[in-house]
């Protein structure tokens, strides 16, 4: 599969998907970054997955517009608002 620092596109696409659900070891993350510096196709794939993820999160948030967060502490409400801004 992965041979030292040489990552194939097939491996990178799988690893990019996995990295969205779990933290990968540093060596793997560095290998992905190195591959993405040279491979526009994999970089586009990563960007598309990020876009899809943000869209799904936004849809999930929009489904529950009546959620009342007024009972939360100010700091918690601000964190939620900041996170939602970053999704846009």
C-alpha atoms as a PDB file:
ATOM      1  CA  UNK A   1       0.000   0.000   0.000  1.00  0.00           C
ATOM      2  CA  UNK A   2       2.204   2.836   1.246  1.00  0.00           C
ATOM      3  CA  UNK A   3       5.926   2.662   0.645  1.00  0.00           C
ATOM      4  CA  UNK A   4       7.750   5.174   2.852  1.00  0.00           C
ATOM      5  CA  UNK A   5       7.034   8.637   1.368  1.00  0.00           C
ATOM      6  CA  UNK A   6       5.720   7.443  -1.998  1.00  0.00           C
ATOM      7  CA  UNK A   7       1.937   7.588  -1.864  1.00  0.00           C
ATOM      8  CA  UNK A   8      -0.215   6.538  -4.813  1.00  0.00           C
ATOM      9  CA  UNK A   9      -3.353   8.521  -5.656  1.00  0.00           C
ATOM     10  CA  UNK A  10      -5.521   5.561  -4.714  1.00  0.00           C
ATOM     11  CA  UNK A  11      -3.916   5.427  -1.271  1.00  0.00           C
ATOM     12  CA  UNK A  12      -4.106   9.184  -0.785  1.00  0.00           C
ATOM     13  CA  UNK A  13      -7.806   9.352  -1.640  1.00  0.00           C
ATOM     14  CA  UNK A  14      -8.514   6.639   0.937  1.00  0.00           C
ATOM     15  CA  UNK A  15      -6.329   8.344   3.532  1.00  0.00           C
ATOM     16  CA  UNK A  16      -7.963  11.731   2.931  1.00  0.00           C
ATOM     17  CA  UNK A  17     -11.356  10.164   3.576  1.00  0.00           C
ATOM     18  CA  UNK A  18     -10.100   8.421   6.711  1.00  0.00           C
ATOM     19  CA  UNK A  19      -8.479  11.626   7.975  1.00  0.00           C
ATOM     20  CA  UNK A  20     -11.899  13.246   8.204  1.00  0.00           C
ATOM     21  CA  UNK A  21     -12.988  10.694  10.785  1.00  0.00           C
ATOM     22  CA  UNK A  22      -9.774  10.041  12.679  1.00  0.00           C
ATOM     23  CA  UNK A  23      -6.383  11.560  13.300  1.00  0.00           C
ATOM     24  CA  UNK A  24      -3.744   9.815  11.232  1.00  0.00           C
ATOM     25  CA  UNK A  25      -0.120   9.320  12.345  1.00  0.00           C
ATOM     26  CA  UNK A  26       2.227  12.217  11.638  1.00  0.00           C
ATOM     27  CA  UNK A  27       4.199  10.263   9.031  1.00  0.00           C
ATOM     28  CA  UNK A  28       1.003   9.563   7.071  1.00  0.00           C
ATOM     29  CA  UNK A  29      -0.205  13.177   7.344  1.00  0.00           C
ATOM     30  CA  UNK A  30       3.158  14.430   6.082  1.00  0.00           C
ATOM     31  CA  UNK A  31       3.076  11.937   3.197  1.00  0.00           C
ATOM     32  CA  UNK A  32      -0.377  13.165   2.206  1.00  0.00           C
ATOM     33  CA  UNK A  33       0.772  16.798   2.317  1.00  0.00           C
ATOM     34  CA  UNK A  34       3.796  15.957   0.197  1.00  0.00           C
ATOM     35  CA  UNK A  35       1.610  14.138  -2.342  1.00  0.00           C
ATOM     36  CA  UNK A  36      -0.896  17.023  -2.456  1.00  0.00           C
ATOM     37  CA  UNK A  37       1.909  19.468  -3.303  1.00  0.00           C
ATOM     38  CA  UNK A  38       2.490  17.521  -6.504  1.00  0.00           C
ATOM     39  CA  UNK A  39      -0.962  16.166  -7.390  1.00  0.00           C
ATOM     40  CA  UNK A  40      -3.722  18.578  -8.343  1.00  0.00           C
ATOM     41  CA  UNK A  41      -6.240  15.751  -8.793  1.00  0.00           C
ATOM     42  CA  UNK A  42      -5.906  14.578  -5.202  1.00  0.00           C
ATOM     43  CA  UNK A  43      -5.912  18.160  -3.950  1.00  0.00           C
ATOM     44  CA  UNK A  44      -9.175  18.762  -5.836  1.00  0.00           C
ATOM     45  CA  UNK A  45     -10.585  15.565  -4.322  1.00  0.00           C
ATOM     46  CA  UNK A  46      -9.670  16.764  -0.827  1.00  0.00           C
ATOM     47  CA  UNK A  47     -11.226  20.171  -1.461  1.00  0.00           C
ATOM     48  CA  UNK A  48     -14.408  18.563  -2.805  1.00  0.00           C
ATOM     49  CA  UNK A  49     -14.709  16.316   0.254  1.00  0.00           C
ATOM     50  CA  UNK A  50     -14.276  19.334   2.520  1.00  0.00           C
ATOM     51  CA  UNK A  51     -16.955  21.217   0.591  1.00  0.00           C
ATOM     52  CA  UNK A  52     -19.361  18.263   0.813  1.00  0.00           C
ATOM     53  CA  UNK A  53     -18.685  17.915   4.529  1.00  0.00           C
ATOM     54  CA  UNK A  54     -19.389  21.601   5.147  1.00  0.00           C
ATOM     55  CA  UNK A  55     -22.591  21.439   3.089  1.00  0.00           C
ATOM     56  CA  UNK A  56     -23.843  18.409   5.025  1.00  0.00           C
ATOM     57  CA  UNK A  57     -23.054  20.052   8.353  1.00  0.00           C
ATOM     58  CA  UNK A  58     -24.877  23.182   7.235  1.00  0.00           C
ATOM     59  CA  UNK A  59     -27.900  21.124   6.163  1.00  0.00           C
ATOM     60  CA  UNK A  60     -27.942  19.365   9.511  1.00  0.00           C
ATOM     61  CA  UNK A  61     -27.851  22.706  11.303  1.00  0.00           C
ATOM     62  CA  UNK A  62     -30.554  24.177   9.070  1.00  0.00           C
ATOM     63  CA  UNK A  63     -32.830  21.190   9.802  1.00  0.00           C
ATOM     64  CA  UNK A  64     -33.011  22.230  13.448  1.00  0.00           C
ATOM     65  CA  UNK A  65     -33.607  25.993  13.303  1.00  0.00           C
ATOM     66  CA  UNK A  66     -35.630  25.982  16.538  1.00  0.00           C
ATOM     67  CA  UNK A  67     -32.801  24.857  18.788  1.00  0.00           C
ATOM     68  CA  UNK A  68     -32.675  27.136  21.794  1.00  0.00           C
ATOM     69  CA  UNK A  69     -29.152  27.823  23.027  1.00  0.00           C
ATOM     70  CA  UNK A  70     -30.094  30.744  25.255  1.00  0.00           C
ATOM     71  CA  UNK A  71     -29.646  28.604  28.381  1.00  0.00           C
ATOM     72  CA  UNK A  72     -25.990  27.965  27.548  1.00  0.00           C
ATOM     73  CA  UNK A  73     -23.213  30.087  29.027  1.00  0.00           C
ATOM     74  CA  UNK A  74     -22.061  33.038  26.900  1.00  0.00           C
ATOM     75  CA  UNK A  75     -18.750  31.338  26.140  1.00  0.00           C
ATOM     76  CA  UNK A  76     -20.484  28.185  24.830  1.00  0.00           C
ATOM     77  CA  UNK A  77     -22.898  30.208  22.667  1.00  0.00           C
ATOM     78  CA  UNK A  78     -19.983  32.159  21.214  1.00  0.00           C
ATOM     79  CA  UNK A  79     -18.088  28.949  20.389  1.00  0.00           C
ATOM     80  CA  UNK A  80     -21.131  27.629  18.546  1.00  0.00           C
ATOM     81  CA  UNK A  81     -21.540  30.874  16.613  1.00  0.00           C
ATOM     82  CA  UNK A  82     -17.832  30.940  15.711  1.00  0.00           C
ATOM     83  CA  UNK A  83     -17.955  27.329  14.526  1.00  0.00           C
ATOM     84  CA  UNK A  84     -20.986  28.057  12.341  1.00  0.00           C
ATOM     85  CA  UNK A  85     -19.225  31.071  10.803  1.00  0.00           C
ATOM     86  CA  UNK A  86     -16.242  28.885   9.891  1.00  0.00           C
ATOM     87  CA  UNK A  87     -18.536  26.501   8.025  1.00  0.00           C
ATOM     88  CA  UNK A  88     -19.690  29.205   5.635  1.00  0.00           C
END
